[in-house]
Structure formats: structure tokens, C-alpha cells
Amino acid sequence: MATPWPQVAASPNDLREHATYLSDYLRKALVCIDSAVDQPVPTLLVKTMIAATSVFITKFQNTPDTTAVTQALVAIQQDLKTTAETVQTTATRIQENMNTYQQVATLSQETNLYVRNAAEERRATTALIQETNDIAKEMNEITKTTNDIAKAIQSTLLSKASYASVLTSNAAPHSKPITISTQTSSFIQAQREIIVKITDSTTIESLRAKNPRNLQNHVNRAIEQSGNKHIERIRVASANQLKSGDLSIKTSGRVEAEALRQFAND
């Protein structure tokens, strides 16, 4: 008994399922042909096999080439890799630029600080120069005053007694010159202080009996009685007797002190 011819069914849409169905159908058709021996193959069966094969081939031809897809995927992967490397390189360069910017910012801050310090030093130097100029100007004025006093000394009558002689009136006025000392504890004090050396013991004891107020009045009277027009209006700020017996006289300013030094023996 001959094997019945396989029935034709609708082919699946999926390409793999279609291939499986067509392979199974052709295998069954081949079994039928072998079992029929010399019997002719029905024309309808041949048409069906040809049509099914043609549909499969057409579907296969319309299916995208996986090789092209694979190549496209490989190309995309390569592009993605290149892009990633580019992004990484760019990020590294950005980081390096940021580091450089920070270094430049730090250097700029240090430069600004140096400029400010230099400006402060220039201002301080300018102030010091101005102060030095003011001191020099003041010293010039003092020198001028001293020169004027020196000239006045030359014109003072020798017969007039000096205020220092009056202060040491218990001693012989012309037995020895009056000594004025400027060795004091500080430069500022030395500019205002005059120390009259007293060697006569009687005078020392006489002055020691006076309190500072009386000593001050005694010195002012001696200056007034000197008859020297350059100093007769000077009033001392204080007068004290030292342990050595010498007399310490302080004026309110340097000019007055310099005048009393110049006219100590006139």
C-alpha cells in the first residue's frame, strides 16, 4: 500500500519555523515518492513543493543579512570605543587645564600679595623719608638758632654776669669757668636738660636747703638778673639738686635749653 501524500498547511511567518516546516514536508514527500516506485508524482504535489520552496526562498532573500548587521554592530562598537577614548582624553585635558588654572590663580594671588606688601613698604619708606626731612629741617632751624645765639654771645658785654655765676654766687665768679654737662639718660631728656657743675661746698649746702620749687624760682631769678637779653625771658620747667651737688635744670623746649647752654658763662 502506498504512503499517502503529505497535506499542505499554511507556512509559518517565522523564517526558522518556516524552514523547519518546509524541511519536514519535503522529507515526507520524498518518502512518498520512494514508496510509489514507478507511479508518477502528482502534478499538484510538485506545484505545492515548488511554491512552498519559492515562498521560503523569497522570505529568506528579504531577511536582512546578519553579516552586514554584525559588521554594522562591530563598526558601532568601534565608534563607541573611539568616542569613549576621546571623551576620556578630553576629560584628562580639562583636568590638566583646571590644575593649570588653579596654579595660575595661586600665583596671581601671591603676586597681588607681593605687590601690596611692596606698596606698604614704599609708603613706609616715604613716611620715613618725610620724617627724616622734617627732623633735618628742624635740626637746621636749631643750628640757625644756635648760630644766631653764638653771634649774640660775641656782642654781649663781658661785664654782665652769667646766670650760672649767679647760681654759684657763693663761689668766686671768675675763679674757674662754669661747666655744663649734657650727659643724661636719654637723647630727648638731654635736649631739654642742663646740668650746672658746682664745686663750692658752701654753695652746695646752701642749695641743698632749698626745695625744688625754691630752686626753680632761684634759677629763674638768676636768669632774669643776668641782664642777657637773649635769655632773660626764659623760665625753666624744673630745677633739682643731684646727689653730687650739681644742679639739674630742665626747660620746656630744646631751643631754650640750647640758649642757656650758649650763655652759661656770659
C-alpha atoms as a PDB file:
ATOM      1  CA  MET A   1       0.000   0.000   0.000  1.00  0.00           C
ATOM      2  CA  ALA A   2       1.486   3.403  -0.968  1.00  0.00           C
ATOM      3  CA  THR A   3       2.218   6.117   1.627  1.00  0.00           C
ATOM      4  CA  PRO A   4      -0.305   8.970   1.419  1.00  0.00           C
ATOM      5  CA  TRP A   5       0.946  12.277   0.182  1.00  0.00           C
ATOM      6  CA  PRO A   6       1.556  14.870   2.946  1.00  0.00           C
ATOM      7  CA  GLN A   7      -1.084  17.531   3.431  1.00  0.00           C
ATOM      8  CA  VAL A   8      -0.216  21.141   2.665  1.00  0.00           C
ATOM      9  CA  ALA A   9      -0.712  23.621   5.534  1.00  0.00           C
ATOM     10  CA  ALA A  10      -0.155  27.329   5.872  1.00  0.00           C
ATOM     11  CA  SER A  11       3.550  28.064   6.285  1.00  0.00           C
ATOM     12  CA  PRO A  12       4.678  29.865   9.492  1.00  0.00           C
ATOM     13  CA  ASN A  13       5.711  33.541   9.337  1.00  0.00           C
ATOM     14  CA  ASP A  14       8.911  32.999  11.308  1.00  0.00           C
ATOM     15  CA  LEU A  15      11.785  32.144   8.997  1.00  0.00           C
ATOM     16  CA  ARG A  16      13.210  29.411  11.200  1.00  0.00           C
ATOM     17  CA  GLU A  17       9.812  27.820  11.786  1.00  0.00           C
ATOM     18  CA  HIS A  18       9.106  28.055   8.061  1.00  0.00           C
ATOM     19  CA  ALA A  19      12.410  26.289   7.278  1.00  0.00           C
ATOM     20  CA  THR A  20      11.574  23.526   9.759  1.00  0.00           C
ATOM     21  CA  TYR A  21       8.084  23.088   8.294  1.00  0.00           C
ATOM     22  CA  LEU A  22       9.377  23.014   4.691  1.00  0.00           C
ATOM     23  CA  SER A  23      12.129  20.528   5.569  1.00  0.00           C
ATOM     24  CA  ASP A  24       9.616  18.203   7.237  1.00  0.00           C
ATOM     25  CA  TYR A  25       7.195  18.481   4.282  1.00  0.00           C
ATOM     26  CA  LEU A  26       9.890  17.718   1.684  1.00  0.00           C
ATOM     27  CA  ARG A  27      11.142  14.738   3.726  1.00  0.00           C
ATOM     28  CA  LYS A  28       7.604  13.301   3.843  1.00  0.00           C
ATOM     29  CA  ALA A  29       7.119  13.946   0.107  1.00  0.00           C
ATOM     30  CA  LEU A  30      10.400  12.156  -0.653  1.00  0.00           C
ATOM     31  CA  VAL A  31       9.237   9.133   1.368  1.00  0.00           C
ATOM     32  CA  CYS A  32       6.030   9.061  -0.640  1.00  0.00           C
ATOM     33  CA  ILE A  33       7.918   9.224  -3.931  1.00  0.00           C
ATOM     34  CA  ASP A  34      10.204   6.377  -2.891  1.00  0.00           C
ATOM     35  CA  SER A  35       7.278   4.211  -1.852  1.00  0.00           C
ATOM     36  CA  ALA A  36       5.371   4.870  -5.108  1.00  0.00           C
ATOM     37  CA  VAL A  37       8.115   3.150  -7.136  1.00  0.00           C
ATOM     38  CA  ASP A  38       7.133   3.643 -10.766  1.00  0.00           C
ATOM     39  CA  GLN A  39       3.978   5.592 -10.127  1.00  0.00           C
ATOM     40  CA  PRO A  40       4.008   9.137 -11.442  1.00  0.00           C
ATOM     41  CA  VAL A  41       4.245  12.022  -8.939  1.00  0.00           C
ATOM     42  CA  PRO A  42       1.051  14.082  -8.846  1.00  0.00           C
ATOM     43  CA  THR A  43       1.393  17.413 -10.566  1.00  0.00           C
ATOM     44  CA  LEU A  44      -0.359  19.218  -7.725  1.00  0.00           C
ATOM     45  CA  LEU A  45       2.195  17.868  -5.251  1.00  0.00           C
ATOM     46  CA  VAL A  46       5.060  19.099  -7.394  1.00  0.00           C
ATOM     47  CA  LYS A  47       3.467  22.537  -7.700  1.00  0.00           C
ATOM     48  CA  THR A  48       2.923  22.662  -3.958  1.00  0.00           C
ATOM     49  CA  MET A  49       6.557  21.796  -3.234  1.00  0.00           C
ATOM     50  CA  ILE A  50       7.804  24.332  -5.749  1.00  0.00           C
ATOM     51  CA  ALA A  51       5.507  27.057  -4.398  1.00  0.00           C
ATOM     52  CA  ALA A  52       6.477  26.349  -0.791  1.00  0.00           C
ATOM     53  CA  THR A  53      10.159  26.396  -1.676  1.00  0.00           C
ATOM     54  CA  SER A  54       9.756  29.633  -3.646  1.00  0.00           C
ATOM     55  CA  VAL A  55       7.970  31.336  -0.739  1.00  0.00           C
ATOM     56  CA  PHE A  56      10.723  30.248   1.642  1.00  0.00           C
ATOM     57  CA  ILE A  57      13.446  31.473  -0.704  1.00  0.00           C
ATOM     58  CA  THR A  58      11.685  34.820  -1.157  1.00  0.00           C
ATOM     59  CA  LYS A  59      11.288  35.209   2.595  1.00  0.00           C
ATOM     60  CA  PHE A  60      14.955  34.324   3.098  1.00  0.00           C
ATOM     61  CA  GLN A  61      16.022  36.853   0.460  1.00  0.00           C
ATOM     62  CA  ASN A  62      14.008  39.580   2.193  1.00  0.00           C
ATOM     63  CA  THR A  63      15.592  38.795   5.539  1.00  0.00           C
ATOM     64  CA  PRO A  64      18.423  41.239   6.446  1.00  0.00           C
ATOM     65  CA  ASP A  65      21.923  39.896   6.034  1.00  0.00           C
ATOM     66  CA  THR A  66      23.208  39.060   9.515  1.00  0.00           C
ATOM     67  CA  THR A  67      26.755  39.508   8.309  1.00  0.00           C
ATOM     68  CA  ALA A  68      26.029  43.124   7.397  1.00  0.00           C
ATOM     69  CA  VAL A  69      24.282  43.617  10.733  1.00  0.00           C
ATOM     70  CA  THR A  70      27.248  42.109  12.558  1.00  0.00           C
ATOM     71  CA  GLN A  71      29.641  44.325  10.662  1.00  0.00           C
ATOM     72  CA  ALA A  72      27.471  47.336  11.435  1.00  0.00           C
ATOM     73  CA  LEU A  73      27.418  46.396  15.113  1.00  0.00           C
ATOM     74  CA  VAL A  74      31.192  45.976  15.104  1.00  0.00           C
ATOM     75  CA  ALA A  75      31.551  49.389  13.444  1.00  0.00           C
ATOM     76  CA  ILE A  76      29.214  50.920  16.034  1.00  0.00           C
ATOM     77  CA  GLN A  77      31.201  49.324  18.850  1.00  0.00           C
ATOM     78  CA  GLN A  78      34.414  50.661  17.379  1.00  0.00           C
ATOM     79  CA  ASP A  79      32.876  54.125  17.086  1.00  0.00           C
ATOM     80  CA  LEU A  80      31.670  53.918  20.677  1.00  0.00           C
ATOM     81  CA  LYS A  81      35.148  52.862  21.826  1.00  0.00           C
ATOM     82  CA  THR A  82      36.741  55.726  19.895  1.00  0.00           C
ATOM     83  CA  THR A  83      34.197  58.145  21.335  1.00  0.00           C
ATOM     84  CA  ALA A  84      34.857  56.860  24.857  1.00  0.00           C
ATOM     85  CA  GLU A  85      38.607  57.271  24.381  1.00  0.00           C
ATOM     86  CA  THR A  86      38.079  60.783  23.019  1.00  0.00           C
ATOM     87  CA  VAL A  87      35.873  61.670  25.980  1.00  0.00           C
ATOM     88  CA  GLN A  88      38.470  60.266  28.370  1.00  0.00           C
ATOM     89  CA  THR A  89      41.261  62.216  26.661  1.00  0.00           C
ATOM     90  CA  THR A  90      39.162  65.382  26.715  1.00  0.00           C
ATOM     91  CA  ALA A  91      38.343  64.899  30.402  1.00  0.00           C
ATOM     92  CA  THR A  92      42.056  64.432  31.177  1.00  0.00           C
ATOM     93  CA  ARG A  93      42.926  67.602  29.286  1.00  0.00           C
ATOM     94  CA  ILE A  94      40.157  69.503  31.083  1.00  0.00           C
ATOM     95  CA  GLN A  95      41.523  68.306  34.433  1.00  0.00           C
ATOM     96  CA  GLU A  96      45.028  69.357  33.437  1.00  0.00           C
ATOM     97  CA  ASN A  97      43.697  72.760  32.346  1.00  0.00           C
ATOM     98  CA  MET A  98      41.875  73.113  35.673  1.00  0.00           C
ATOM     99  CA  ASN A  99      45.099  72.305  37.548  1.00  0.00           C
ATOM    100  CA  THR A 100      46.954  74.861  35.461  1.00  0.00           C
ATOM    101  CA  TYR A 101      44.234  77.437  36.106  1.00  0.00           C
ATOM    102  CA  GLN A 102      44.441  76.817  39.855  1.00  0.00           C
ATOM    103  CA  GLN A 103      48.222  77.211  39.734  1.00  0.00           C
ATOM    104  CA  VAL A 104      47.840  80.456  37.797  1.00  0.00           C
ATOM    105  CA  ALA A 105      45.222  81.686  40.286  1.00  0.00           C
ATOM    106  CA  THR A 106      47.517  80.854  43.211  1.00  0.00           C
ATOM    107  CA  LEU A 107      50.441  82.595  41.518  1.00  0.00           C
ATOM    108  CA  SER A 108      48.221  85.608  40.821  1.00  0.00           C
ATOM    109  CA  GLN A 109      47.216  85.799  44.495  1.00  0.00           C
ATOM    110  CA  GLU A 110      50.851  85.561  45.583  1.00  0.00           C
ATOM    111  CA  THR A 111      51.782  88.277  43.073  1.00  0.00           C
ATOM    112  CA  ASN A 112      48.990  90.544  44.334  1.00  0.00           C
ATOM    113  CA  LEU A 113      50.146  89.982  47.920  1.00  0.00           C
ATOM    114  CA  TYR A 114      53.725  90.821  46.934  1.00  0.00           C
ATOM    115  CA  VAL A 115      52.548  93.992  45.174  1.00  0.00           C
ATOM    116  CA  ARG A 116      50.523  95.053  48.237  1.00  0.00           C
ATOM    117  CA  ASN A 117      53.487  94.395  50.542  1.00  0.00           C
ATOM    118  CA  ALA A 118      55.769  96.339  48.220  1.00  0.00           C
ATOM    119  CA  ALA A 119      53.278  99.220  48.195  1.00  0.00           C
ATOM    120  CA  GLU A 120      53.157  99.194  52.006  1.00  0.00           C
ATOM    121  CA  GLU A 121      56.946  99.205  52.153  1.00  0.00           C
ATOM    122  CA  ARG A 122      57.070 102.113  49.692  1.00  0.00           C
ATOM    123  CA  ARG A 123      54.561 104.064  51.804  1.00  0.00           C
ATOM    124  CA  ALA A 124      56.518 103.297  54.968  1.00  0.00           C
ATOM    125  CA  THR A 125      59.767 104.348  53.265  1.00  0.00           C
ATOM    126  CA  THR A 126      58.156 107.549  52.004  1.00  0.00           C
ATOM    127  CA  ALA A 127      56.867 108.328  55.501  1.00  0.00           C
ATOM    128  CA  LEU A 128      60.326 107.649  56.956  1.00  0.00           C
ATOM    129  CA  ILE A 129      61.966 109.894  54.366  1.00  0.00           C
ATOM    130  CA  GLN A 130      59.452 112.639  55.137  1.00  0.00           C
ATOM    131  CA  GLU A 131      60.074 112.243  58.858  1.00  0.00           C
ATOM    132  CA  THR A 132      63.823 112.362  58.253  1.00  0.00           C
ATOM    133  CA  ASN A 133      63.405 115.512  56.171  1.00  0.00           C
ATOM    134  CA  ASP A 134      61.303 117.084  58.921  1.00  0.00           C
ATOM    135  CA  ILE A 135      63.970 116.223  61.504  1.00  0.00           C
ATOM    136  CA  ALA A 136      66.689 117.608  59.232  1.00  0.00           C
ATOM    137  CA  LYS A 137      64.649 120.782  58.758  1.00  0.00           C
ATOM    138  CA  GLU A 138      64.182 121.119  62.495  1.00  0.00           C
ATOM    139  CA  MET A 139      67.901 120.492  63.084  1.00  0.00           C
ATOM    140  CA  ASN A 140      68.690 123.192  60.535  1.00  0.00           C
ATOM    141  CA  GLU A 141      66.444 125.582  62.415  1.00  0.00           C
ATOM    142  CA  ILE A 142      68.159 124.655  65.673  1.00  0.00           C
ATOM    143  CA  THR A 143      71.565 125.155  64.037  1.00  0.00           C
ATOM    144  CA  LYS A 144      70.446 128.532  62.758  1.00  0.00           C
ATOM    145  CA  THR A 145      69.205 129.499  66.189  1.00  0.00           C
ATOM    146  CA  THR A 146      72.463 128.290  67.705  1.00  0.00           C
ATOM    147  CA  ASN A 147      74.472 130.338  65.224  1.00  0.00           C
ATOM    148  CA  ASP A 148      72.369 133.395  65.999  1.00  0.00           C
ATOM    149  CA  ILE A 149      72.946 132.836  69.686  1.00  0.00           C
ATOM    150  CA  ALA A 150      76.685 132.393  69.088  1.00  0.00           C
ATOM    151  CA  LYS A 151      76.765 135.688  67.229  1.00  0.00           C
ATOM    152  CA  ALA A 152      74.831 137.314  70.050  1.00  0.00           C
ATOM    153  CA  ILE A 153      77.354 135.958  72.547  1.00  0.00           C
ATOM    154  CA  GLN A 154      80.134 137.823  70.805  1.00  0.00           C
ATOM    155  CA  SER A 155      78.209 141.086  71.148  1.00  0.00           C
ATOM    156  CA  THR A 156      77.317 140.579  74.826  1.00  0.00           C
ATOM    157  CA  LEU A 157      79.205 142.822  77.241  1.00  0.00           C
ATOM    158  CA  LEU A 158      81.827 140.973  79.239  1.00  0.00           C
ATOM    159  CA  SER A 159      80.853 142.901  82.347  1.00  0.00           C
ATOM    160  CA  LYS A 160      77.476 141.159  82.612  1.00  0.00           C
ATOM    161  CA  ALA A 161      77.371 138.198  84.989  1.00  0.00           C
ATOM    162  CA  SER A 162      76.121 134.892  83.654  1.00  0.00           C
ATOM    163  CA  TYR A 163      73.091 133.186  85.173  1.00  0.00           C
ATOM    164  CA  ALA A 164      75.348 130.247  86.066  1.00  0.00           C
ATOM    165  CA  SER A 165      77.605 132.633  88.026  1.00  0.00           C
ATOM    166  CA  VAL A 166      74.578 133.923  89.865  1.00  0.00           C
ATOM    167  CA  LEU A 167      73.539 130.366  90.711  1.00  0.00           C
ATOM    168  CA  THR A 168      77.012 129.719  92.151  1.00  0.00           C
ATOM    169  CA  SER A 169      77.286 133.159  93.734  1.00  0.00           C
ATOM    170  CA  ASN A 170      78.842 131.801  96.935  1.00  0.00           C
ATOM    171  CA  ALA A 171      81.910 130.815  94.865  1.00  0.00           C
ATOM    172  CA  ALA A 172      84.329 133.182  93.176  1.00  0.00           C
ATOM    173  CA  PRO A 173      82.566 134.096  89.923  1.00  0.00           C
ATOM    174  CA  HIS A 174      85.692 134.164  87.816  1.00  0.00           C
ATOM    175  CA  SER A 175      87.834 131.614  89.646  1.00  0.00           C
ATOM    176  CA  LYS A 176      87.039 128.930  87.061  1.00  0.00           C
ATOM    177  CA  PRO A 177      84.686 128.590  84.090  1.00  0.00           C
ATOM    178  CA  ILE A 178      81.213 127.156  84.665  1.00  0.00           C
ATOM    179  CA  THR A 179      80.918 123.585  83.342  1.00  0.00           C
ATOM    180  CA  ILE A 180      77.709 122.490  81.599  1.00  0.00           C
ATOM    181  CA  SER A 181      77.166 118.731  81.203  1.00  0.00           C
ATOM    182  CA  THR A 182      74.790 117.090  78.682  1.00  0.00           C
ATOM    183  CA  GLN A 183      75.290 113.507  79.806  1.00  0.00           C
ATOM    184  CA  THR A 184      71.707 112.481  80.554  1.00  0.00           C
ATOM    185  CA  SER A 185      69.671 109.286  80.479  1.00  0.00           C
ATOM    186  CA  SER A 186      68.158 109.812  77.048  1.00  0.00           C
ATOM    187  CA  PHE A 187      68.534 111.873  73.903  1.00  0.00           C
ATOM    188  CA  ILE A 188      65.178 113.627  74.362  1.00  0.00           C
ATOM    189  CA  GLN A 189      65.963 114.468  78.003  1.00  0.00           C
ATOM    190  CA  ALA A 190      69.421 115.721  77.007  1.00  0.00           C
ATOM    191  CA  GLN A 191      67.823 118.192  74.596  1.00  0.00           C
ATOM    192  CA  ARG A 192      65.859 119.801  77.475  1.00  0.00           C
ATOM    193  CA  GLU A 193      68.206 119.331  80.474  1.00  0.00           C
ATOM    194  CA  ILE A 194      71.205 121.363  81.586  1.00  0.00           C
ATOM    195  CA  ILE A 195      73.456 120.273  84.466  1.00  0.00           C
ATOM    196  CA  VAL A 196      75.428 123.039  86.168  1.00  0.00           C
ATOM    197  CA  LYS A 197      78.586 121.720  87.862  1.00  0.00           C
ATOM    198  CA  ILE A 198      79.024 123.153  91.360  1.00  0.00           C
ATOM    199  CA  THR A 199      82.318 122.581  93.180  1.00  0.00           C
ATOM    200  CA  ASP A 200      81.978 125.007  96.092  1.00  0.00           C
ATOM    201  CA  SER A 201      80.817 123.058  99.182  1.00  0.00           C
ATOM    202  CA  THR A 202      79.185 126.112 100.773  1.00  0.00           C
ATOM    203  CA  THR A 203      77.096 126.719  97.665  1.00  0.00           C
ATOM    204  CA  ILE A 204      76.153 123.052  97.537  1.00  0.00           C
ATOM    205  CA  GLU A 205      74.914 123.124 101.115  1.00  0.00           C
ATOM    206  CA  SER A 206      73.078 126.391 100.528  1.00  0.00           C
ATOM    207  CA  LEU A 207      71.234 124.992  97.511  1.00  0.00           C
ATOM    208  CA  ARG A 208      70.548 121.702  99.296  1.00  0.00           C
ATOM    209  CA  ALA A 209      68.489 123.585 101.860  1.00  0.00           C
ATOM    210  CA  LYS A 210      66.064 124.690  99.125  1.00  0.00           C
ATOM    211  CA  ASN A 211      63.151 122.552  97.932  1.00  0.00           C
ATOM    212  CA  PRO A 212      62.596 122.008  94.146  1.00  0.00           C
ATOM    213  CA  ARG A 213      60.119 124.901  93.962  1.00  0.00           C
ATOM    214  CA  ASN A 214      62.517 127.331  95.604  1.00  0.00           C
ATOM    215  CA  LEU A 215      65.352 126.056  93.403  1.00  0.00           C
ATOM    216  CA  GLN A 216      63.206 126.715  90.317  1.00  0.00           C
ATOM    217  CA  ASN A 217      62.491 130.274  91.474  1.00  0.00           C
ATOM    218  CA  HIS A 218      66.185 130.756  92.316  1.00  0.00           C
ATOM    219  CA  VAL A 219      67.186 129.687  88.780  1.00  0.00           C
ATOM    220  CA  ASN A 220      64.550 131.936  87.150  1.00  0.00           C
ATOM    221  CA  ARG A 221      65.804 134.923  89.201  1.00  0.00           C
ATOM    222  CA  ALA A 222      69.393 134.151  88.237  1.00  0.00           C
ATOM    223  CA  ILE A 223      68.446 134.071  84.528  1.00  0.00           C
ATOM    224  CA  GLU A 224      66.493 137.324  84.858  1.00  0.00           C
ATOM    225  CA  GLN A 225      69.326 139.030  86.776  1.00  0.00           C
ATOM    226  CA  SER A 226      71.921 138.007  84.182  1.00  0.00           C
ATOM    227  CA  GLY A 227      70.894 141.005  82.090  1.00  0.00           C
ATOM    228  CA  ASN A 228      71.310 138.926  78.921  1.00  0.00           C
ATOM    229  CA  LYS A 229      68.512 139.939  76.552  1.00  0.00           C
ATOM    230  CA  HIS A 230      68.699 136.572  74.791  1.00  0.00           C
ATOM    231  CA  ILE A 231      67.756 134.540  77.834  1.00  0.00           C
ATOM    232  CA  GLU A 232      66.281 136.897  80.424  1.00  0.00           C
ATOM    233  CA  ARG A 233      62.701 135.929  79.471  1.00  0.00           C
ATOM    234  CA  ILE A 234      63.323 132.173  79.683  1.00  0.00           C
ATOM    235  CA  ARG A 235      61.602 130.365  82.543  1.00  0.00           C
ATOM    236  CA  VAL A 236      62.731 126.859  83.437  1.00  0.00           C
ATOM    237  CA  ALA A 237      60.286 123.975  83.864  1.00  0.00           C
ATOM    238  CA  SER A 238      62.041 122.498  86.933  1.00  0.00           C
ATOM    239  CA  ALA A 239      65.232 122.588  88.968  1.00  0.00           C
ATOM    240  CA  ASN A 240      66.626 119.841  91.203  1.00  0.00           C
ATOM    241  CA  GLN A 241      69.881 119.289  93.065  1.00  0.00           C
ATOM    242  CA  LEU A 242      71.611 115.993  92.334  1.00  0.00           C
ATOM    243  CA  LYS A 243      73.357 113.806  94.907  1.00  0.00           C
ATOM    244  CA  SER A 244      76.670 115.075  93.587  1.00  0.00           C
ATOM    245  CA  GLY A 245      75.622 118.605  94.483  1.00  0.00           C
ATOM    246  CA  ASP A 246      75.272 119.656  90.835  1.00  0.00           C
ATOM    247  CA  LEU A 247      72.135 121.473  89.714  1.00  0.00           C
ATOM    248  CA  SER A 248      69.797 119.872  87.116  1.00  0.00           C
ATOM    249  CA  ILE A 249      67.774 122.428  85.139  1.00  0.00           C
ATOM    250  CA  LYS A 250      65.059 121.432  82.662  1.00  0.00           C
ATOM    251  CA  THR A 251      63.402 123.704  80.117  1.00  0.00           C
ATOM    252  CA  SER A 252      60.150 123.296  78.211  1.00  0.00           C
ATOM    253  CA  GLY A 253      61.893 123.095  74.852  1.00  0.00           C
ATOM    254  CA  ARG A 254      65.189 122.399  73.126  1.00  0.00           C
ATOM    255  CA  VAL A 255      65.712 125.947  71.879  1.00  0.00           C
ATOM    256  CA  GLU A 256      65.558 127.391  75.406  1.00  0.00           C
ATOM    257  CA  ALA A 257      67.978 124.731  76.656  1.00  0.00           C
ATOM    258  CA  GLU A 258      70.403 125.452  73.818  1.00  0.00           C
ATOM    259  CA  ALA A 259      70.273 129.187  74.614  1.00  0.00           C
ATOM    260  CA  LEU A 260      71.056 128.580  78.288  1.00  0.00           C
ATOM    261  CA  ARG A 261      73.997 126.373  77.298  1.00  0.00           C
ATOM    262  CA  GLN A 262      75.380 129.052  74.997  1.00  0.00           C
ATOM    263  CA  PHE A 263      75.079 131.800  77.596  1.00  0.00           C
ATOM    264  CA  ALA A 264      76.186 129.773  80.625  1.00  0.00           C
ATOM    265  CA  ASN A 265      79.378 131.835  81.018  1.00  0.00           C
ATOM    266  CA  ASP A 266      78.116 135.161  79.661  1.00  0.00           C
END
